[in-house]
Amino acid sequence: MKKILSTIAVTAILSTGAFSADFINGGAYGGAGVGFEDFSTYSSYDPGVTLVLNGGKPIIKIGPGTIGAEGELTYTVVPMSHSYASDLTVITLGAYATYTYDINQQLYIRGKLGLVNRDYSWDNNRYRSDYNKVGEAIGIGAGYNLTKNMRAFSDIISLDGNGLKQLNFGVQVSF
């Protein structure tokens, strides 16, 4: 009985005007870009450059914004270099929940929260297993609609609280 009452209460809240939920059909997107990665806690590393591939789908419209899901793969193409240690390559695979708020028809801001599997390697040799693990990630970004189906995006993501930050730029296409 408690589950039934909880379900009715949640349905009533989501169906009110303030929390009107519109499920979104279509609108899947894919994108590519470049990013810069750096450790904020290790100043001796010089930033690296990453290739960014992402895709996602808006799922439900709640109030003024849209909740969605996004997957993202990054791969270091120019390793982070260190003055006395080996170069560092990072591969990440992340799954994010997103909240997108449209400022106007062209511009939007987006928050990201998710889990990221990260793999660090120094000169293509794996180093300590505790660096290669799944951890939380949080980010914020913005985008600009170039056409009806194409937009430019930028975001900054903090990975797992270990000081690794990624600043990504690119283009996404809806289909």
C-alpha atoms as a PDB file:
ATOM      1  CA  MET A   1       0.000   0.000   0.000  1.00  0.00           C
ATOM      2  CA  LYS A   2       2.881   2.366   0.841  1.00  0.00           C
ATOM      3  CA  LYS A   3       4.410   1.844  -2.635  1.00  0.00           C
ATOM      4  CA  ILE A   4       1.072   2.588  -4.318  1.00  0.00           C
ATOM      5  CA  LEU A   5       0.616   5.825  -2.328  1.00  0.00           C
ATOM      6  CA  SER A   6       4.199   6.874  -3.085  1.00  0.00           C
ATOM      7  CA  THR A   7       3.655   6.247  -6.791  1.00  0.00           C
ATOM      8  CA  ILE A   8       0.445   8.296  -6.773  1.00  0.00           C
ATOM      9  CA  ALA A   9       2.176  11.160  -4.920  1.00  0.00           C
ATOM     10  CA  VAL A  10       5.119  11.256  -7.332  1.00  0.00           C
ATOM     11  CA  THR A  11       2.753  11.129 -10.333  1.00  0.00           C
ATOM     12  CA  ALA A  12       0.691  14.007  -8.904  1.00  0.00           C
ATOM     13  CA  ILE A  13       3.789  16.154  -8.310  1.00  0.00           C
ATOM     14  CA  LEU A  14       5.207  15.519 -11.768  1.00  0.00           C
ATOM     15  CA  SER A  15       1.889  16.310 -13.439  1.00  0.00           C
ATOM     16  CA  THR A  16       1.582  19.777 -11.848  1.00  0.00           C
ATOM     17  CA  GLY A  17       2.437  22.859 -13.900  1.00  0.00           C
ATOM     18  CA  ALA A  18       5.703  23.528 -12.065  1.00  0.00           C
ATOM     19  CA  PHE A  19       6.966  20.019 -12.712  1.00  0.00           C
ATOM     20  CA  SER A  20       5.288  19.285 -16.047  1.00  0.00           C
ATOM     21  CA  ALA A  21       7.140  16.413 -17.654  1.00  0.00           C
ATOM     22  CA  ASP A  22       7.136  15.974 -21.412  1.00  0.00           C
ATOM     23  CA  PHE A  23       8.866  12.861 -22.670  1.00  0.00           C
ATOM     24  CA  ILE A  24      11.030  13.690 -25.643  1.00  0.00           C
ATOM     25  CA  ASN A  25      10.886  11.557 -28.779  1.00  0.00           C
ATOM     26  CA  GLY A  26      13.951  11.588 -31.013  1.00  0.00           C
ATOM     27  CA  GLY A  27      16.592  14.234 -30.526  1.00  0.00           C
ATOM     28  CA  ALA A  28      19.525  11.835 -30.168  1.00  0.00           C
ATOM     29  CA  TYR A  29      22.878  13.448 -30.907  1.00  0.00           C
ATOM     30  CA  GLY A  30      26.509  12.617 -31.489  1.00  0.00           C
ATOM     31  CA  GLY A  31      29.549  14.824 -31.447  1.00  0.00           C
ATOM     32  CA  ALA A  32      33.289  15.154 -31.687  1.00  0.00           C
ATOM     33  CA  GLY A  33      35.799  17.664 -30.452  1.00  0.00           C
ATOM     34  CA  VAL A  34      39.078  18.308 -28.729  1.00  0.00           C
ATOM     35  CA  GLY A  35      39.892  18.951 -25.125  1.00  0.00           C
ATOM     36  CA  PHE A  36      42.661  19.977 -22.814  1.00  0.00           C
ATOM     37  CA  GLU A  37      43.398  17.991 -19.674  1.00  0.00           C
ATOM     38  CA  ASP A  38      45.484  18.916 -16.692  1.00  0.00           C
ATOM     39  CA  PHE A  39      45.992  18.096 -13.025  1.00  0.00           C
ATOM     40  CA  SER A  40      45.158  20.992 -10.741  1.00  0.00           C
ATOM     41  CA  THR A  41      46.938  19.214  -7.873  1.00  0.00           C
ATOM     42  CA  TYR A  42      50.170  18.430  -9.769  1.00  0.00           C
ATOM     43  CA  SER A  43      51.531  21.668 -11.191  1.00  0.00           C
ATOM     44  CA  SER A  44      54.594  19.920 -12.623  1.00  0.00           C
ATOM     45  CA  TYR A  45      52.522  18.363 -15.443  1.00  0.00           C
ATOM     46  CA  ASP A  46      52.049  20.319 -18.668  1.00  0.00           C
ATOM     47  CA  PRO A  47      48.508  20.041 -20.128  1.00  0.00           C
ATOM     48  CA  GLY A  48      47.664  17.356 -22.663  1.00  0.00           C
ATOM     49  CA  VAL A  49      45.286  17.356 -25.632  1.00  0.00           C
ATOM     50  CA  THR A  50      42.432  14.849 -25.964  1.00  0.00           C
ATOM     51  CA  LEU A  51      40.063  13.665 -28.649  1.00  0.00           C
ATOM     52  CA  VAL A  52      36.452  13.799 -27.419  1.00  0.00           C
ATOM     53  CA  LEU A  53      33.581  11.670 -28.765  1.00  0.00           C
ATOM     54  CA  ASN A  54      30.156  11.951 -27.183  1.00  0.00           C
ATOM     55  CA  GLY A  55      26.518  11.122 -27.762  1.00  0.00           C
ATOM     56  CA  GLY A  56      23.305  11.297 -25.874  1.00  0.00           C
ATOM     57  CA  LYS A  57      19.601  11.865 -25.803  1.00  0.00           C
ATOM     58  CA  PRO A  58      17.270  14.264 -24.027  1.00  0.00           C
ATOM     59  CA  ILE A  59      14.790  12.154 -22.081  1.00  0.00           C
ATOM     60  CA  ILE A  60      12.267  14.230 -20.173  1.00  0.00           C
ATOM     61  CA  LYS A  61      11.374  17.909 -19.956  1.00  0.00           C
ATOM     62  CA  ILE A  62      10.896  19.044 -16.370  1.00  0.00           C
ATOM     63  CA  GLY A  63      10.030  22.666 -15.737  1.00  0.00           C
ATOM     64  CA  PRO A  64      12.335  25.005 -17.677  1.00  0.00           C
ATOM     65  CA  GLY A  65      14.975  22.365 -18.440  1.00  0.00           C
ATOM     66  CA  THR A  66      15.543  18.925 -19.884  1.00  0.00           C
ATOM     67  CA  ILE A  67      17.031  15.858 -18.218  1.00  0.00           C
ATOM     68  CA  GLY A  68      19.049  13.622 -20.510  1.00  0.00           C
ATOM     69  CA  ALA A  69      21.694  10.926 -20.695  1.00  0.00           C
ATOM     70  CA  GLU A  70      25.109  11.249 -22.323  1.00  0.00           C
ATOM     71  CA  GLY A  71      28.085   8.995 -22.927  1.00  0.00           C
ATOM     72  CA  GLU A  72      31.572  10.355 -23.556  1.00  0.00           C
ATOM     73  CA  LEU A  73      34.916   8.858 -24.562  1.00  0.00           C
ATOM     74  CA  THR A  74      38.156  10.833 -24.341  1.00  0.00           C
ATOM     75  CA  TYR A  75      41.582   9.709 -25.497  1.00  0.00           C
ATOM     76  CA  THR A  76      44.841  11.595 -25.067  1.00  0.00           C
ATOM     77  CA  VAL A  77      46.458  12.428 -28.412  1.00  0.00           C
ATOM     78  CA  VAL A  78      49.186  14.693 -26.959  1.00  0.00           C
ATOM     79  CA  PRO A  79      50.201  13.302 -23.544  1.00  0.00           C
ATOM     80  CA  MET A  80      50.553  15.401 -20.435  1.00  0.00           C
ATOM     81  CA  SER A  81      54.286  15.884 -20.009  1.00  0.00           C
ATOM     82  CA  HIS A  82      56.266  16.073 -16.809  1.00  0.00           C
ATOM     83  CA  SER A  83      59.664  17.637 -16.235  1.00  0.00           C
ATOM     84  CA  TYR A  84      61.238  14.509 -14.711  1.00  0.00           C
ATOM     85  CA  ALA A  85      58.693  11.689 -15.175  1.00  0.00           C
ATOM     86  CA  SER A  86      57.154   9.828 -18.106  1.00  0.00           C
ATOM     87  CA  ASP A  87      54.432  11.331 -20.284  1.00  0.00           C
ATOM     88  CA  LEU A  88      50.887  10.529 -19.136  1.00  0.00           C
ATOM     89  CA  THR A  89      48.088   9.273 -21.408  1.00  0.00           C
ATOM     90  CA  VAL A  90      44.513   9.182 -20.105  1.00  0.00           C
ATOM     91  CA  ILE A  91      41.531   7.323 -21.549  1.00  0.00           C
ATOM     92  CA  THR A  92      38.107   7.966 -20.020  1.00  0.00           C
ATOM     93  CA  LEU A  93      34.696   6.452 -20.687  1.00  0.00           C
ATOM     94  CA  GLY A  94      31.885   8.242 -18.894  1.00  0.00           C
ATOM     95  CA  ALA A  95      28.132   7.929 -18.445  1.00  0.00           C
ATOM     96  CA  TYR A  96      26.385  11.133 -17.390  1.00  0.00           C
ATOM     97  CA  ALA A  97      22.977  12.397 -16.378  1.00  0.00           C
ATOM     98  CA  THR A  98      22.577  15.902 -17.805  1.00  0.00           C
ATOM     99  CA  TYR A  99      20.320  18.853 -17.096  1.00  0.00           C
ATOM    100  CA  THR A 100      20.057  21.354 -19.944  1.00  0.00           C
ATOM    101  CA  TYR A 101      18.551  24.797 -19.450  1.00  0.00           C
ATOM    102  CA  ASP A 102      17.750  26.827 -22.573  1.00  0.00           C
ATOM    103  CA  ILE A 103      18.576  30.489 -22.048  1.00  0.00           C
ATOM    104  CA  ASN A 104      17.064  31.357 -25.421  1.00  0.00           C
ATOM    105  CA  GLN A 105      16.583  29.588 -28.783  1.00  0.00           C
ATOM    106  CA  GLN A 106      20.319  29.699 -29.527  1.00  0.00           C
ATOM    107  CA  LEU A 107      22.131  29.407 -26.179  1.00  0.00           C
ATOM    108  CA  TYR A 108      21.943  26.804 -23.403  1.00  0.00           C
ATOM    109  CA  ILE A 109      23.817  25.787 -20.257  1.00  0.00           C
ATOM    110  CA  ARG A 110      24.220  22.206 -19.058  1.00  0.00           C
ATOM    111  CA  GLY A 111      25.204  20.446 -15.875  1.00  0.00           C
ATOM    112  CA  LYS A 112      26.658  16.914 -15.940  1.00  0.00           C
ATOM    113  CA  LEU A 113      26.940  14.338 -13.181  1.00  0.00           C
ATOM    114  CA  GLY A 114      28.098  10.783 -13.726  1.00  0.00           C
ATOM    115  CA  LEU A 115      30.538   7.927 -13.428  1.00  0.00           C
ATOM    116  CA  VAL A 116      33.788   7.707 -15.375  1.00  0.00           C
ATOM    117  CA  ASN A 117      36.106   4.774 -15.933  1.00  0.00           C
ATOM    118  CA  ARG A 118      39.575   6.269 -16.251  1.00  0.00           C
ATOM    119  CA  ASP A 119      42.737   4.541 -17.407  1.00  0.00           C
ATOM    120  CA  TYR A 120      46.104   6.209 -16.847  1.00  0.00           C
ATOM    121  CA  SER A 121      49.271   5.013 -18.529  1.00  0.00           C
ATOM    122  CA  TRP A 122      52.777   6.400 -18.446  1.00  0.00           C
ATOM    123  CA  ASP A 123      54.614   5.884 -21.770  1.00  0.00           C
ATOM    124  CA  ASN A 124      52.044   3.182 -22.677  1.00  0.00           C
ATOM    125  CA  ASN A 125      52.821   1.100 -19.549  1.00  0.00           C
ATOM    126  CA  ARG A 126      50.127   0.748 -16.929  1.00  0.00           C
ATOM    127  CA  TYR A 127      51.056   2.134 -13.560  1.00  0.00           C
ATOM    128  CA  ARG A 128      49.600   1.315 -10.160  1.00  0.00           C
ATOM    129  CA  SER A 129      46.149  -0.257 -10.386  1.00  0.00           C
ATOM    130  CA  ASP A 130      44.568   2.303  -8.033  1.00  0.00           C
ATOM    131  CA  TYR A 131      44.852   4.922 -10.796  1.00  0.00           C
ATOM    132  CA  ASN A 132      42.725   2.855 -13.181  1.00  0.00           C
ATOM    133  CA  LYS A 133      39.257   2.809 -11.699  1.00  0.00           C
ATOM    134  CA  VAL A 134      35.694   4.076 -11.833  1.00  0.00           C
ATOM    135  CA  GLY A 135      34.942   7.333 -10.053  1.00  0.00           C
ATOM    136  CA  GLU A 136      32.487  10.190  -9.990  1.00  0.00           C
ATOM    137  CA  ALA A 137      32.608  13.166 -12.335  1.00  0.00           C
ATOM    138  CA  ILE A 138      30.880  16.518 -12.332  1.00  0.00           C
ATOM    139  CA  GLY A 139      30.839  19.190 -14.983  1.00  0.00           C
ATOM    140  CA  ILE A 140      29.226  22.303 -16.358  1.00  0.00           C
ATOM    141  CA  GLY A 141      29.076  23.551 -19.899  1.00  0.00           C
ATOM    142  CA  ALA A 142      27.351  25.668 -22.485  1.00  0.00           C
ATOM    143  CA  GLY A 143      26.350  25.382 -26.094  1.00  0.00           C
ATOM    144  CA  TYR A 144      25.242  27.441 -29.034  1.00  0.00           C
ATOM    145  CA  ASN A 145      22.847  26.212 -31.735  1.00  0.00           C
ATOM    146  CA  LEU A 146      24.485  26.847 -35.112  1.00  0.00           C
ATOM    147  CA  THR A 147      21.609  25.362 -37.151  1.00  0.00           C
ATOM    148  CA  LYS A 148      18.501  23.363 -36.358  1.00  0.00           C
ATOM    149  CA  ASN A 149      20.511  20.117 -36.098  1.00  0.00           C
ATOM    150  CA  MET A 150      24.041  21.320 -35.253  1.00  0.00           C
ATOM    151  CA  ARG A 151      25.480  23.006 -32.182  1.00  0.00           C
ATOM    152  CA  ALA A 152      28.851  23.975 -30.756  1.00  0.00           C
ATOM    153  CA  PHE A 153      29.539  22.889 -27.175  1.00  0.00           C
ATOM    154  CA  SER A 154      32.067  23.470 -24.443  1.00  0.00           C
ATOM    155  CA  ASP A 155      32.307  21.972 -20.978  1.00  0.00           C
ATOM    156  CA  ILE A 156      34.671  21.561 -18.080  1.00  0.00           C
ATOM    157  CA  ILE A 157      34.660  18.293 -16.165  1.00  0.00           C
ATOM    158  CA  SER A 158      36.304  17.387 -12.862  1.00  0.00           C
ATOM    159  CA  LEU A 159      37.099  13.681 -12.649  1.00  0.00           C
ATOM    160  CA  ASP A 160      36.957  11.749  -9.395  1.00  0.00           C
ATOM    161  CA  GLY A 161      38.172  14.536  -7.148  1.00  0.00           C
ATOM    162  CA  ASN A 162      41.796  13.635  -7.981  1.00  0.00           C
ATOM    163  CA  GLY A 163      42.554  16.979  -9.577  1.00  0.00           C
ATOM    164  CA  LEU A 164      42.189  15.907 -13.229  1.00  0.00           C
ATOM    165  CA  LYS A 165      40.175  18.461 -15.159  1.00  0.00           C
ATOM    166  CA  GLN A 166      39.132  18.361 -18.813  1.00  0.00           C
ATOM    167  CA  LEU A 167      38.091  21.391 -20.849  1.00  0.00           C
ATOM    168  CA  ASN A 168      36.332  20.199 -24.006  1.00  0.00           C
ATOM    169  CA  PHE A 169      35.175  21.971 -27.185  1.00  0.00           C
ATOM    170  CA  GLY A 170      33.386  20.518 -30.191  1.00  0.00           C
ATOM    171  CA  VAL A 171      30.358  20.152 -32.421  1.00  0.00           C
ATOM    172  CA  GLN A 172      27.310  17.933 -31.943  1.00  0.00           C
ATOM    173  CA  VAL A 173      24.770  16.903 -34.584  1.00  0.00           C
ATOM    174  CA  SER A 174      21.183  15.822 -33.835  1.00  0.00           C
ATOM    175  CA  PHE A 175      19.600  13.037 -35.845  1.00  0.00           C
END
